[in-house]
Amino acid sequence: MSHYDAFKDLPIKVEGHEFLRHELAVSSGFDRVTTEIVLHGAGQSGVGEDVTYDTLDHDVLQKDTPLDLTFEGTFDEFSRHLETLPIWIAPPVREPSINYRTWGFESAALDLALRQNGTDFASALGIEPQPVRFILSIRLGDPPDIARVQNWLDVAPWLEFKLDAENSWPRELIEELAATGLVRQVDLKGFYVGTEVDNPPTERLYRDVVECFSDAWIEDPAFTEETRPILESVLERLTWDAPIHSVADIEGLEFPPRGMNIKPSRFGSLRELLAAIEYCAERDIEMYSGGQFELSVGRAHLHAIASVFFPNTPNDAAPVHYHGNDPVANAPASPLPVPPPGERAGFSWPL
């Protein structure tokens, strides 16, 4: 049996829906907007989160999209029915947003189906969930400064980090960050073009990152004539995120990967997500969770997935308490404890 077999035949009934808006000025320096998608049916509600990055796309969905989501059948039938619905009244600002929104509806339907059938994600799979280790993903500001890392360590000295490396980082700062011994991933963002986080590859930055962060995952590097010799010396530490939307994308990588950032929203559907997880597990590819600055239930979905498939890896899935510009005392600590069976329902972990 595949993992998807545990969910595809779950009966589901959708009788109505609503959209809830969430907004927050996040630590990466922009105003984040997401849409919470709520599906109602048979006295239950299921929730998902559309993590599309462009505010305009959320404005259109929440105000102008005519949708009739009424449905009765199986979860798999609803998933395929979703492909025929006008969830975009206008083309998205960015093409990857198609999968992001699809996952918002798909995860809401999964949550509803599980609740209507009196079960939860882990129980449906027959896997006992485990406490979830998480790390914090942050940027260091302009000009870059270790202060953002140190401020968090002052209130949570156990915290581990994923850092978005930038060409403005001097070697001295990179050495200082590495000396903390708490950096588990360095994201080079080599696949972003035309965004606020573009980071064109440079030989100097790549060499400094590889040499100083000698035991961290190096995520999404760009292979150029200058960077290729540096990267080929550490192929076992390269991991991938932005270009991965399916098993076919993993198979299409130039080198067999040793690590993979599993972001559910990038895959769009539960079928594609679970197929990728099975593919990586069969090949001993280490997986970890990746976040998209979810502001509501999307983070709880990340925790539910990580708890059964990769609870002990450096999951970039810090709870929403960590999204702001300033550290929060008494935020949930890593690892996140497993909720007792009576508090687990649907596709979410309560925090």
Foldseek 3Di string as FASTA:
>chain_A
DFLCVLAFQQKFWFDDKAKDWDWDQFQQGDIFIKIWIWTDDPHDIFIFIQRDGDVVQVVCQRPPFDWDLGDTGGLNVSLVVVVVTCSDPDDDPDPLSVLSVLRRVSQRRQLRSQQVVVHASCVSSVFDFFFFFEAAEHEQDVVRDCVLVVQQCVQVVVHAYEYEDAPNDDLVRLLVVLVSVRYAEYEPQCPDDPDPSDHDDDLVRLQSNCVRNVHHAYEDDDDDPNCPVVCVVPQQRYEYDDQDQAVVSQVPDPDNHQEYAQESSSNNHPVRSSVNLVVCVVVNRHYAYDDSLDDPFNLQLNRLVCRGRPRPGHHNRQPNQNTHNGHDHPGDHPRHGADPRVQGGGRGDDD
